[in-house]
N, C-alpha and C. Protein backbone atom coordinates (compact mmCIF):
# COMPACT_ATOMS: atom_id res chain seq x y z
N MET A 1 83.61 -13.45 8.12
CA MET A 1 82.75 -12.94 9.17
C MET A 1 82.69 -11.42 9.05
N SER A 2 81.50 -10.89 9.05
CA SER A 2 81.31 -9.46 8.94
C SER A 2 81.00 -8.89 10.31
N THR A 3 81.84 -7.97 10.77
CA THR A 3 81.64 -7.37 12.08
C THR A 3 81.48 -5.87 11.90
N LEU A 4 80.43 -5.32 12.47
CA LEU A 4 80.16 -3.89 12.36
C LEU A 4 80.47 -3.25 13.71
N THR A 5 81.67 -2.69 13.83
CA THR A 5 82.04 -2.00 15.06
C THR A 5 81.51 -0.58 15.00
N THR A 6 81.64 0.13 16.09
CA THR A 6 81.18 1.52 16.14
C THR A 6 81.89 2.35 15.09
N ASP A 7 83.21 2.15 14.94
CA ASP A 7 83.98 2.90 13.94
C ASP A 7 83.48 2.61 12.53
N ASN A 8 83.23 1.33 12.24
CA ASN A 8 82.75 0.96 10.91
C ASN A 8 81.38 1.57 10.64
N LYS A 9 80.49 1.54 11.65
CA LYS A 9 79.15 2.11 11.46
C LYS A 9 79.24 3.60 11.20
N GLN A 10 80.11 4.29 11.94
CA GLN A 10 80.27 5.72 11.74
C GLN A 10 80.76 6.01 10.32
N THR A 11 81.72 5.23 9.86
CA THR A 11 82.24 5.40 8.49
C THR A 11 81.14 5.16 7.47
N LEU A 12 80.33 4.09 7.64
CA LEU A 12 79.24 3.81 6.71
C LEU A 12 78.20 4.92 6.72
N ASP A 13 77.88 5.44 7.92
CA ASP A 13 76.91 6.54 8.01
C ASP A 13 77.43 7.78 7.30
N GLU A 14 78.73 8.08 7.44
CA GLU A 14 79.30 9.24 6.79
C GLU A 14 79.24 9.10 5.28
N ARG A 15 79.55 7.90 4.77
CA ARG A 15 79.49 7.66 3.33
C ARG A 15 78.07 7.78 2.79
N ALA A 16 77.10 7.39 3.60
CA ALA A 16 75.70 7.45 3.17
C ALA A 16 75.10 8.84 3.37
N GLY A 17 75.87 9.76 3.95
CA GLY A 17 75.38 11.11 4.15
C GLY A 17 74.52 11.25 5.39
N VAL A 18 74.56 10.28 6.28
CA VAL A 18 73.78 10.34 7.51
C VAL A 18 74.62 11.03 8.57
N LYS A 19 74.05 12.08 9.18
CA LYS A 19 74.78 12.82 10.19
C LYS A 19 74.01 12.84 11.50
N ASP A 20 74.74 12.91 12.59
CA ASP A 20 74.15 13.00 13.93
C ASP A 20 73.11 11.92 14.18
N VAL A 21 73.46 10.70 13.83
CA VAL A 21 72.56 9.58 14.05
C VAL A 21 72.67 9.14 15.50
N GLN A 22 71.55 9.17 16.20
CA GLN A 22 71.53 8.68 17.57
C GLN A 22 71.32 7.17 17.53
N PRO A 23 72.13 6.43 18.27
CA PRO A 23 71.94 4.98 18.25
C PRO A 23 70.59 4.59 18.84
N GLN A 24 69.91 3.69 18.18
CA GLN A 24 68.61 3.24 18.68
C GLN A 24 68.84 2.23 19.80
N VAL A 25 67.98 2.27 20.78
CA VAL A 25 68.07 1.32 21.88
C VAL A 25 67.38 0.04 21.44
N ARG A 26 68.07 -1.06 21.60
CA ARG A 26 67.49 -2.34 21.25
C ARG A 26 66.50 -2.75 22.32
N VAL A 27 65.46 -3.45 21.91
CA VAL A 27 64.49 -4.00 22.84
C VAL A 27 64.52 -5.52 22.67
N TYR A 28 64.86 -6.20 23.76
CA TYR A 28 64.95 -7.65 23.75
C TYR A 28 63.72 -8.24 24.41
N SER A 29 63.30 -9.38 23.93
CA SER A 29 62.19 -10.11 24.53
C SER A 29 62.80 -11.24 25.35
N PRO A 30 62.80 -11.11 26.68
CA PRO A 30 63.46 -12.12 27.50
C PRO A 30 62.69 -13.44 27.51
N ASN A 31 63.44 -14.53 27.73
CA ASN A 31 62.80 -15.83 27.90
C ASN A 31 62.05 -15.83 29.23
N VAL A 32 60.84 -16.38 29.22
CA VAL A 32 60.01 -16.39 30.41
C VAL A 32 59.39 -17.78 30.58
N ASP A 33 59.41 -18.28 31.82
CA ASP A 33 58.65 -19.47 32.19
C ASP A 33 57.55 -19.00 33.12
N VAL A 34 56.33 -19.50 32.92
CA VAL A 34 55.21 -19.14 33.77
C VAL A 34 54.65 -20.43 34.37
N TYR A 35 54.56 -20.44 35.69
CA TYR A 35 54.01 -21.58 36.41
C TYR A 35 52.76 -21.13 37.16
N GLU A 36 51.81 -22.03 37.29
CA GLU A 36 50.60 -21.70 38.04
C GLU A 36 50.30 -22.83 39.01
N THR A 37 50.09 -22.47 40.25
CA THR A 37 49.64 -23.41 41.26
C THR A 37 48.22 -23.03 41.64
N GLU A 38 47.69 -23.72 42.62
CA GLU A 38 46.34 -23.42 43.07
C GLU A 38 46.24 -22.02 43.64
N ASN A 39 47.34 -21.54 44.27
CA ASN A 39 47.30 -20.26 44.98
C ASN A 39 48.15 -19.16 44.37
N MET A 40 48.95 -19.46 43.34
CA MET A 40 49.93 -18.49 42.90
C MET A 40 50.26 -18.63 41.42
N ILE A 41 50.72 -17.50 40.83
CA ILE A 41 51.29 -17.49 39.49
C ILE A 41 52.74 -17.06 39.65
N LEU A 42 53.67 -17.83 39.09
CA LEU A 42 55.10 -17.54 39.21
C LEU A 42 55.68 -17.29 37.82
N PHE A 43 56.37 -16.17 37.68
CA PHE A 43 57.07 -15.82 36.45
C PHE A 43 58.57 -15.92 36.71
N ARG A 44 59.29 -16.62 35.85
CA ARG A 44 60.75 -16.69 35.92
C ARG A 44 61.26 -16.10 34.60
N VAL A 45 61.97 -14.97 34.72
CA VAL A 45 62.34 -14.17 33.55
C VAL A 45 63.86 -14.04 33.46
N GLU A 46 64.43 -14.38 32.31
CA GLU A 46 65.87 -14.23 32.08
C GLU A 46 66.18 -12.80 31.67
N MET A 47 67.01 -12.13 32.46
CA MET A 47 67.45 -10.77 32.13
C MET A 47 68.95 -10.65 32.44
N PRO A 48 69.79 -11.35 31.67
CA PRO A 48 71.22 -11.30 31.97
C PRO A 48 71.78 -9.89 31.84
N GLY A 49 72.63 -9.53 32.79
CA GLY A 49 73.28 -8.22 32.76
C GLY A 49 72.45 -7.10 33.34
N VAL A 50 71.22 -7.38 33.76
CA VAL A 50 70.34 -6.34 34.28
C VAL A 50 70.51 -6.24 35.79
N ASP A 51 70.73 -5.03 36.27
CA ASP A 51 70.81 -4.77 37.69
C ASP A 51 69.40 -4.65 38.24
N GLU A 52 69.18 -5.19 39.44
CA GLU A 52 67.82 -5.18 39.99
C GLU A 52 67.24 -3.78 40.15
N THR A 53 68.09 -2.76 40.26
CA THR A 53 67.58 -1.39 40.40
C THR A 53 67.00 -0.85 39.10
N SER A 54 67.29 -1.49 37.98
CA SER A 54 66.76 -1.02 36.70
C SER A 54 65.55 -1.82 36.23
N VAL A 55 65.04 -2.72 37.07
CA VAL A 55 63.87 -3.52 36.71
C VAL A 55 62.60 -2.80 37.15
N GLU A 56 61.63 -2.73 36.26
CA GLU A 56 60.34 -2.14 36.58
C GLU A 56 59.25 -3.18 36.30
N ILE A 57 58.41 -3.39 37.31
CA ILE A 57 57.30 -4.33 37.20
C ILE A 57 56.03 -3.55 37.48
N THR A 58 55.10 -3.56 36.54
CA THR A 58 53.83 -2.87 36.77
C THR A 58 52.68 -3.82 36.46
N ILE A 59 51.66 -3.71 37.29
CA ILE A 59 50.43 -4.47 37.07
C ILE A 59 49.30 -3.46 37.08
N GLU A 60 48.59 -3.39 35.97
CA GLU A 60 47.45 -2.49 35.86
C GLU A 60 46.30 -3.26 35.25
N LYS A 61 45.23 -3.37 36.02
CA LYS A 61 44.07 -4.18 35.65
C LYS A 61 44.54 -5.61 35.40
N ASP A 62 44.44 -6.11 34.18
CA ASP A 62 44.87 -7.48 33.91
C ASP A 62 46.17 -7.53 33.11
N GLN A 63 46.92 -6.42 33.09
CA GLN A 63 48.16 -6.34 32.32
C GLN A 63 49.38 -6.33 33.24
N LEU A 64 50.30 -7.28 33.02
CA LEU A 64 51.57 -7.32 33.72
C LEU A 64 52.64 -6.90 32.74
N GLN A 65 53.45 -5.92 33.13
CA GLN A 65 54.50 -5.42 32.26
C GLN A 65 55.84 -5.55 32.99
N LEU A 66 56.82 -6.18 32.32
CA LEU A 66 58.15 -6.39 32.88
C LEU A 66 59.16 -5.66 32.01
N GLU A 67 60.00 -4.83 32.65
CA GLU A 67 61.02 -4.09 31.92
C GLU A 67 62.32 -4.13 32.69
N GLY A 68 63.43 -4.18 31.97
CA GLY A 68 64.75 -4.12 32.57
C GLY A 68 65.71 -3.46 31.61
N LYS A 69 66.63 -2.68 32.13
CA LYS A 69 67.60 -1.98 31.29
C LYS A 69 68.98 -2.61 31.45
N PHE A 70 69.63 -2.87 30.32
CA PHE A 70 70.94 -3.48 30.30
C PHE A 70 71.95 -2.47 29.78
N LYS A 71 72.97 -2.19 30.58
CA LYS A 71 74.03 -1.26 30.16
C LYS A 71 75.36 -1.97 30.23
N ILE A 72 76.18 -1.71 29.24
CA ILE A 72 77.52 -2.29 29.19
C ILE A 72 78.45 -1.37 29.97
N GLY A 73 79.36 -1.97 30.73
CA GLY A 73 80.34 -1.18 31.46
C GLY A 73 81.20 -0.37 30.52
N THR A 74 81.71 0.77 30.99
CA THR A 74 82.48 1.66 30.13
C THR A 74 83.98 1.44 30.26
N GLU A 75 84.38 0.45 31.03
CA GLU A 75 85.82 0.25 31.20
C GLU A 75 86.46 -0.22 29.89
N GLU A 76 87.65 0.27 29.66
CA GLU A 76 88.39 -0.04 28.43
C GLU A 76 89.12 -1.36 28.62
N LYS A 77 88.89 -2.30 27.72
CA LYS A 77 89.53 -3.61 27.80
C LYS A 77 90.43 -3.88 26.61
N GLY A 78 90.61 -2.89 25.78
CA GLY A 78 91.42 -3.07 24.58
C GLY A 78 90.62 -2.68 23.35
N GLN A 79 91.23 -2.90 22.20
CA GLN A 79 90.58 -2.55 20.94
C GLN A 79 89.47 -3.56 20.64
N VAL A 80 88.30 -3.06 20.27
CA VAL A 80 87.16 -3.93 19.99
C VAL A 80 87.38 -4.63 18.66
N ARG A 81 87.32 -5.95 18.69
CA ARG A 81 87.43 -6.76 17.47
C ARG A 81 86.09 -7.37 17.09
N LEU A 82 85.28 -7.64 18.09
CA LEU A 82 83.94 -8.18 17.89
C LEU A 82 83.08 -7.68 19.04
N ALA A 83 81.96 -7.06 18.75
CA ALA A 83 81.09 -6.53 19.79
C ALA A 83 79.68 -7.04 19.57
N GLU A 84 79.31 -8.11 20.28
CA GLU A 84 77.97 -8.67 20.15
C GLU A 84 77.06 -8.27 21.30
N TYR A 85 77.62 -7.85 22.42
CA TYR A 85 76.80 -7.36 23.52
C TYR A 85 76.36 -5.94 23.18
N LYS A 86 75.08 -5.72 23.24
CA LYS A 86 74.54 -4.40 22.93
C LYS A 86 73.68 -3.93 24.09
N GLU A 87 73.78 -2.65 24.41
CA GLU A 87 72.90 -2.09 25.43
C GLU A 87 71.47 -2.14 24.91
N GLY A 88 70.56 -2.26 25.83
CA GLY A 88 69.17 -2.30 25.41
C GLY A 88 68.25 -2.50 26.58
N ASN A 89 67.00 -2.73 26.25
CA ASN A 89 65.97 -2.93 27.26
C ASN A 89 65.31 -4.28 27.04
N TYR A 90 64.99 -4.93 28.13
CA TYR A 90 64.18 -6.13 28.08
C TYR A 90 62.73 -5.69 28.30
N PHE A 91 61.82 -6.30 27.57
CA PHE A 91 60.40 -5.91 27.71
C PHE A 91 59.51 -7.10 27.39
N ARG A 92 58.57 -7.38 28.29
CA ARG A 92 57.52 -8.37 28.04
C ARG A 92 56.24 -7.88 28.68
N LYS A 93 55.12 -8.21 28.06
CA LYS A 93 53.81 -7.81 28.58
C LYS A 93 52.91 -9.04 28.53
N PHE A 94 52.15 -9.25 29.60
CA PHE A 94 51.27 -10.40 29.71
C PHE A 94 49.88 -9.94 30.12
N THR A 95 48.88 -10.68 29.66
CA THR A 95 47.52 -10.49 30.13
C THR A 95 47.25 -11.62 31.12
N ILE A 96 46.87 -11.24 32.32
CA ILE A 96 46.59 -12.23 33.36
C ILE A 96 45.08 -12.38 33.47
N SER A 97 44.61 -13.58 33.20
CA SER A 97 43.16 -13.78 33.18
C SER A 97 42.61 -14.21 34.55
N LYS A 98 43.47 -14.48 35.49
CA LYS A 98 43.03 -14.88 36.84
C LYS A 98 42.95 -13.66 37.74
N ALA A 99 42.14 -13.75 38.79
CA ALA A 99 42.07 -12.68 39.80
C ALA A 99 43.33 -12.80 40.67
N ILE A 100 44.08 -11.71 40.77
CA ILE A 100 45.33 -11.73 41.52
C ILE A 100 45.35 -10.64 42.58
N ASP A 101 46.24 -10.80 43.54
CA ASP A 101 46.44 -9.81 44.59
C ASP A 101 47.78 -9.13 44.33
N SER A 102 47.76 -8.08 43.52
CA SER A 102 49.02 -7.43 43.13
C SER A 102 49.72 -6.77 44.31
N GLU A 103 48.99 -6.43 45.36
CA GLU A 103 49.60 -5.81 46.55
C GLU A 103 50.53 -6.78 47.28
N GLU A 104 50.30 -8.07 47.13
CA GLU A 104 51.09 -9.09 47.84
C GLU A 104 52.13 -9.75 46.92
N ALA A 105 52.33 -9.23 45.73
CA ALA A 105 53.31 -9.79 44.80
C ALA A 105 54.72 -9.60 45.36
N VAL A 106 55.59 -10.60 45.10
CA VAL A 106 56.97 -10.56 45.58
C VAL A 106 57.89 -10.81 44.39
N ALA A 107 58.91 -9.92 44.25
CA ALA A 107 59.88 -10.06 43.17
C ALA A 107 61.27 -10.21 43.75
N LYS A 108 62.05 -11.13 43.17
CA LYS A 108 63.44 -11.35 43.58
C LYS A 108 64.29 -11.45 42.33
N MET A 109 65.51 -10.92 42.41
CA MET A 109 66.42 -10.96 41.27
C MET A 109 67.73 -11.58 41.74
N LYS A 110 68.18 -12.63 41.04
CA LYS A 110 69.44 -13.27 41.39
C LYS A 110 70.07 -13.86 40.14
N ASN A 111 71.32 -13.53 39.90
CA ASN A 111 72.08 -14.06 38.76
C ASN A 111 71.37 -13.85 37.42
N GLY A 112 70.76 -12.70 37.25
CA GLY A 112 70.11 -12.37 35.99
C GLY A 112 68.75 -13.02 35.79
N ILE A 113 68.21 -13.64 36.84
CA ILE A 113 66.89 -14.27 36.76
C ILE A 113 65.95 -13.53 37.70
N LEU A 114 64.88 -13.01 37.15
CA LEU A 114 63.84 -12.35 37.94
C LEU A 114 62.77 -13.39 38.24
N GLU A 115 62.42 -13.53 39.52
CA GLU A 115 61.32 -14.40 39.92
C GLU A 115 60.23 -13.54 40.53
N LEU A 116 59.06 -13.60 39.94
CA LEU A 116 57.92 -12.81 40.40
C LEU A 116 56.81 -13.75 40.79
N SER A 117 56.40 -13.69 42.06
CA SER A 117 55.30 -14.52 42.57
C SER A 117 54.10 -13.62 42.84
N ILE A 118 52.96 -13.97 42.24
CA ILE A 118 51.74 -13.19 42.41
C ILE A 118 50.66 -14.11 42.96
N PRO A 119 50.19 -13.83 44.18
CA PRO A 119 49.12 -14.67 44.74
C PRO A 119 47.81 -14.48 43.97
N LYS A 120 47.08 -15.58 43.84
CA LYS A 120 45.76 -15.53 43.23
C LYS A 120 44.73 -15.33 44.34
N ILE A 121 43.63 -14.73 43.99
CA ILE A 121 42.53 -14.57 44.94
C ILE A 121 41.26 -15.10 44.29
N GLU A 122 40.33 -15.47 45.14
CA GLU A 122 39.05 -15.94 44.63
C GLU A 122 38.28 -14.75 44.09
N PRO A 123 37.75 -14.85 42.90
CA PRO A 123 36.96 -13.74 42.37
C PRO A 123 35.71 -13.53 43.22
N LYS A 124 35.35 -12.30 43.33
CA LYS A 124 34.17 -11.94 44.11
C LYS A 124 32.92 -12.44 43.39
N LYS A 125 32.08 -13.17 44.13
CA LYS A 125 30.85 -13.71 43.55
C LYS A 125 29.68 -12.88 44.04
N THR A 126 28.84 -12.52 43.11
CA THR A 126 27.67 -11.73 43.44
C THR A 126 26.44 -12.42 42.87
N LYS A 127 25.44 -12.58 43.73
CA LYS A 127 24.20 -13.17 43.26
C LYS A 127 23.21 -12.04 43.01
N ILE A 128 22.64 -12.03 41.85
CA ILE A 128 21.69 -10.98 41.48
C ILE A 128 20.31 -11.61 41.38
N GLU A 129 19.43 -11.04 42.14
CA GLU A 129 18.06 -11.55 42.14
C GLU A 129 17.22 -10.77 41.14
N ILE A 130 16.28 -11.48 40.55
CA ILE A 130 15.39 -10.86 39.58
C ILE A 130 14.21 -10.24 40.35
N ARG A 131 13.95 -8.97 40.04
CA ARG A 131 12.84 -8.26 40.69
C ARG A 131 11.63 -8.24 39.76
N ASN A 132 10.50 -8.26 40.39
CA ASN A 132 9.25 -8.09 39.61
C ASN A 132 8.95 -6.60 39.53
N SER A 133 8.65 -6.14 38.37
CA SER A 133 8.41 -4.71 38.17
C SER A 133 7.07 -4.27 38.65
């Protein structure tokens, strides 16, 4: 099993002549379930380890963007032998083709699961009459 700890990475970077390398932030694509009813669109998004204060939800025109930041605690638990948890950001973007009421959207976060409910609205219908010139 090959494990790349922070110390090992630093040693490899030094051997390769790489200096002052800033660690890149990983971007994870969270698992998402999307449900649609007659009146609502519901998104259920897995974001384990994400605190609700670091979640950002934006809706602009027909684009829904979901972001969450995951940080590992800094408490010392002993010498690292295997480190698979990595800090990073969760990110997903969706195009919503239905007319929605973004002002009435409700988001809840519990046990690493974000639930976002967005009410649908009836699209505005306009009848255009043909004029004689």
